[in-house]
Amino acid sequence: MQVMDLMGKIQHDLSEGISILRKEGTSLFLKTMTEVDMLKFRYDLHKVGSQLSDFYRELGERFTEAIVKKDHGFLSKQETKDLIERIDTVRIDEEKYKKELDDLRDLQKDKGG
């Protein structure tokens, strides 16, 4: 009878141990995925920041060239309008990535990580 009790206790302890491992494994997996997502959004944010720098530099160069040439229609040219539209589009992406990062940070805080 004691052997049966001992076997039952071992089976119970193993079952509890496996349950704890599953729970901790899942928690670790979710934390890792959150970190991976944060890295992805940081990388995307860096890319759009670089794009914005390039676009602003291009816009500045065009503006400087327009001043030198005394081109008062600089802002009405289609290529300038297109560049400003691209800047606006990238800024929207930048805000989206910043929001995603903030949401992930909040999620980590809520989970105590």
C-alpha atoms as a PDB file:
ATOM      1  CA  MET A   1       0.000   0.000   0.000  1.00  0.00           C
ATOM      2  CA  GLN A   2       2.819   2.378   0.754  1.00  0.00           C
ATOM      3  CA  VAL A   3       4.287   1.747  -2.694  1.00  0.00           C
ATOM      4  CA  MET A   4       0.959   2.767  -4.249  1.00  0.00           C
ATOM      5  CA  ASP A   5       0.842   5.908  -2.112  1.00  0.00           C
ATOM      6  CA  LEU A   6       4.424   6.714  -3.057  1.00  0.00           C
ATOM      7  CA  MET A   7       3.678   6.135  -6.766  1.00  0.00           C
ATOM      8  CA  GLY A   8       0.586   8.332  -6.496  1.00  0.00           C
ATOM      9  CA  LYS A   9       2.592  11.101  -4.828  1.00  0.00           C
ATOM     10  CA  ILE A  10       5.333  10.869  -7.470  1.00  0.00           C
ATOM     11  CA  GLN A  11       2.735  10.991 -10.247  1.00  0.00           C
ATOM     12  CA  HIS A  12       1.042  13.979  -8.590  1.00  0.00           C
ATOM     13  CA  ASP A  13       4.365  15.807  -8.099  1.00  0.00           C
ATOM     14  CA  LEU A  14       5.390  15.127 -11.708  1.00  0.00           C
ATOM     15  CA  SER A  15       2.050  16.386 -12.947  1.00  0.00           C
ATOM     16  CA  GLU A  16       2.398  19.559 -10.869  1.00  0.00           C
ATOM     17  CA  GLY A  17       5.986  20.034 -12.053  1.00  0.00           C
ATOM     18  CA  ILE A  18       4.976  19.702 -15.687  1.00  0.00           C
ATOM     19  CA  SER A  19       2.143  22.166 -15.139  1.00  0.00           C
ATOM     20  CA  ILE A  20       4.558  24.694 -13.624  1.00  0.00           C
ATOM     21  CA  LEU A  21       7.016  24.166 -16.493  1.00  0.00           C
ATOM     22  CA  ARG A  22       4.249  24.785 -19.029  1.00  0.00           C
ATOM     23  CA  LYS A  23       3.144  27.944 -17.260  1.00  0.00           C
ATOM     24  CA  GLU A  24       6.690  29.295 -16.894  1.00  0.00           C
ATOM     25  CA  GLY A  25       7.587  28.241 -20.435  1.00  0.00           C
ATOM     26  CA  THR A  26       4.562  30.046 -21.815  1.00  0.00           C
ATOM     27  CA  SER A  27       5.363  33.139 -19.752  1.00  0.00           C
ATOM     28  CA  LEU A  28       8.971  33.128 -20.950  1.00  0.00           C
ATOM     29  CA  PHE A  29       7.836  32.626 -24.544  1.00  0.00           C
ATOM     30  CA  LEU A  30       5.445  35.591 -24.324  1.00  0.00           C
ATOM     31  CA  LYS A  31       8.133  37.813 -22.780  1.00  0.00           C
ATOM     32  CA  THR A  32      10.561  36.797 -25.517  1.00  0.00           C
ATOM     33  CA  MET A  33       7.999  37.500 -28.234  1.00  0.00           C
ATOM     34  CA  THR A  34       7.302  40.922 -26.703  1.00  0.00           C
ATOM     35  CA  GLU A  35      11.026  41.693 -26.730  1.00  0.00           C
ATOM     36  CA  VAL A  36      11.309  40.516 -30.340  1.00  0.00           C
ATOM     37  CA  ASP A  37       8.349  42.687 -31.306  1.00  0.00           C
ATOM     38  CA  MET A  38       9.918  45.663 -29.539  1.00  0.00           C
ATOM     39  CA  LEU A  39      13.180  45.124 -31.413  1.00  0.00           C
ATOM     40  CA  LYS A  40      11.292  44.912 -34.696  1.00  0.00           C
ATOM     41  CA  PHE A  41       9.423  48.150 -34.024  1.00  0.00           C
ATOM     42  CA  ARG A  42      12.635  49.892 -32.910  1.00  0.00           C
ATOM     43  CA  TYR A  43      14.296  48.783 -36.145  1.00  0.00           C
ATOM     44  CA  ASP A  44      11.305  49.964 -38.193  1.00  0.00           C
ATOM     45  CA  LEU A  45      11.350  53.254 -36.287  1.00  0.00           C
ATOM     46  CA  HIS A  46      15.050  53.646 -37.070  1.00  0.00           C
ATOM     47  CA  LYS A  47      14.366  52.970 -40.770  1.00  0.00           C
ATOM     48  CA  VAL A  48      11.613  55.579 -40.995  1.00  0.00           C
ATOM     49  CA  GLY A  49      13.777  58.041 -39.063  1.00  0.00           C
ATOM     50  CA  SER A  50      16.492  57.532 -41.645  1.00  0.00           C
ATOM     51  CA  GLN A  51      13.994  57.985 -44.467  1.00  0.00           C
ATOM     52  CA  LEU A  52      12.736  61.205 -42.893  1.00  0.00           C
ATOM     53  CA  SER A  53      16.286  62.527 -42.596  1.00  0.00           C
ATOM     54  CA  ASP A  54      16.872  61.769 -46.268  1.00  0.00           C
ATOM     55  CA  PHE A  55      13.604  63.410 -47.310  1.00  0.00           C
ATOM     56  CA  TYR A  56      14.229  66.500 -45.178  1.00  0.00           C
ATOM     57  CA  ARG A  57      17.744  66.786 -46.592  1.00  0.00           C
ATOM     58  CA  GLU A  58      16.354  66.519 -50.130  1.00  0.00           C
ATOM     59  CA  LEU A  59      13.674  69.108 -49.354  1.00  0.00           C
ATOM     60  CA  GLY A  60      16.315  71.434 -47.891  1.00  0.00           C
ATOM     61  CA  GLU A  61      18.516  71.021 -50.942  1.00  0.00           C
ATOM     62  CA  ARG A  62      15.605  71.807 -53.239  1.00  0.00           C
ATOM     63  CA  PHE A  63      14.675  74.800 -51.127  1.00  0.00           C
ATOM     64  CA  THR A  64      18.255  76.117 -51.180  1.00  0.00           C
ATOM     65  CA  GLU A  65      18.449  75.589 -54.930  1.00  0.00           C
ATOM     66  CA  ALA A  66      15.144  77.413 -55.392  1.00  0.00           C
ATOM     67  CA  ILE A  67      16.413  80.392 -53.355  1.00  0.00           C
ATOM     68  CA  VAL A  68      19.620  80.564 -55.357  1.00  0.00           C
ATOM     69  CA  LYS A  69      17.664  80.432 -58.619  1.00  0.00           C
ATOM     70  CA  LYS A  70      15.029  82.813 -57.229  1.00  0.00           C
ATOM     71  CA  ASP A  71      12.384  80.215 -58.052  1.00  0.00           C
ATOM     72  CA  HIS A  72       9.337  81.522 -56.198  1.00  0.00           C
ATOM     73  CA  GLY A  73       7.152  78.677 -57.422  1.00  0.00           C
ATOM     74  CA  PHE A  74       9.196  76.105 -55.505  1.00  0.00           C
ATOM     75  CA  LEU A  75       6.356  74.966 -53.245  1.00  0.00           C
ATOM     76  CA  SER A  76       3.860  74.695 -56.087  1.00  0.00           C
ATOM     77  CA  LYS A  77       5.981  72.265 -58.134  1.00  0.00           C
ATOM     78  CA  GLN A  78       4.645  68.716 -58.311  1.00  0.00           C
ATOM     79  CA  GLU A  79       7.969  67.139 -57.315  1.00  0.00           C
ATOM     80  CA  THR A  80       7.995  69.242 -54.121  1.00  0.00           C
ATOM     81  CA  LYS A  81       4.390  68.313 -53.378  1.00  0.00           C
ATOM     82  CA  ASP A  82       5.237  64.632 -53.920  1.00  0.00           C
ATOM     83  CA  LEU A  83       8.205  64.860 -51.566  1.00  0.00           C
ATOM     84  CA  ILE A  84       6.101  66.507 -48.875  1.00  0.00           C
ATOM     85  CA  GLU A  85       3.470  63.776 -49.322  1.00  0.00           C
ATOM     86  CA  ARG A  86       6.155  61.100 -48.863  1.00  0.00           C
ATOM     87  CA  ILE A  87       7.344  62.875 -45.727  1.00  0.00           C
ATOM     88  CA  ASP A  88       3.793  62.909 -44.363  1.00  0.00           C
ATOM     89  CA  THR A  89       3.372  59.202 -45.143  1.00  0.00           C
ATOM     90  CA  VAL A  90       6.613  58.285 -43.390  1.00  0.00           C
ATOM     91  CA  ARG A  91       5.704  60.450 -40.382  1.00  0.00           C
ATOM     92  CA  ILE A  92       2.424  58.523 -40.090  1.00  0.00           C
ATOM     93  CA  ASP A  93       4.424  55.279 -40.111  1.00  0.00           C
ATOM     94  CA  GLU A  94       6.766  56.727 -37.494  1.00  0.00           C
ATOM     95  CA  GLU A  95       3.846  57.557 -35.206  1.00  0.00           C
ATOM     96  CA  LYS A  96       2.417  54.066 -35.717  1.00  0.00           C
ATOM     97  CA  TYR A  97       5.708  52.432 -34.691  1.00  0.00           C
ATOM     98  CA  LYS A  98       6.042  54.720 -31.674  1.00  0.00           C
ATOM     99  CA  LYS A  99       2.518  53.810 -30.581  1.00  0.00           C
ATOM    100  CA  GLU A 100       3.208  50.092 -31.012  1.00  0.00           C
ATOM    101  CA  LEU A 101       6.353  50.431 -28.898  1.00  0.00           C
ATOM    102  CA  ASP A 102       4.452  52.334 -26.210  1.00  0.00           C
ATOM    103  CA  ASP A 103       1.727  49.685 -26.210  1.00  0.00           C
ATOM    104  CA  LEU A 104       4.305  46.907 -25.806  1.00  0.00           C
ATOM    105  CA  ARG A 105       6.019  48.792 -22.980  1.00  0.00           C
ATOM    106  CA  ASP A 106       2.660  49.219 -21.250  1.00  0.00           C
ATOM    107  CA  LEU A 107       1.956  45.518 -21.713  1.00  0.00           C
ATOM    108  CA  GLN A 108       5.291  44.667 -20.098  1.00  0.00           C
ATOM    109  CA  LYS A 109       4.562  46.984 -17.159  1.00  0.00           C
ATOM    110  CA  ASP A 110       1.117  45.437 -16.680  1.00  0.00           C
ATOM    111  CA  LYS A 111       2.634  41.964 -16.587  1.00  0.00           C
ATOM    112  CA  GLY A 112       5.355  43.038 -14.182  1.00  0.00           C
ATOM    113  CA  GLY A 113       8.167  42.480 -16.689  1.00  0.00           C
END
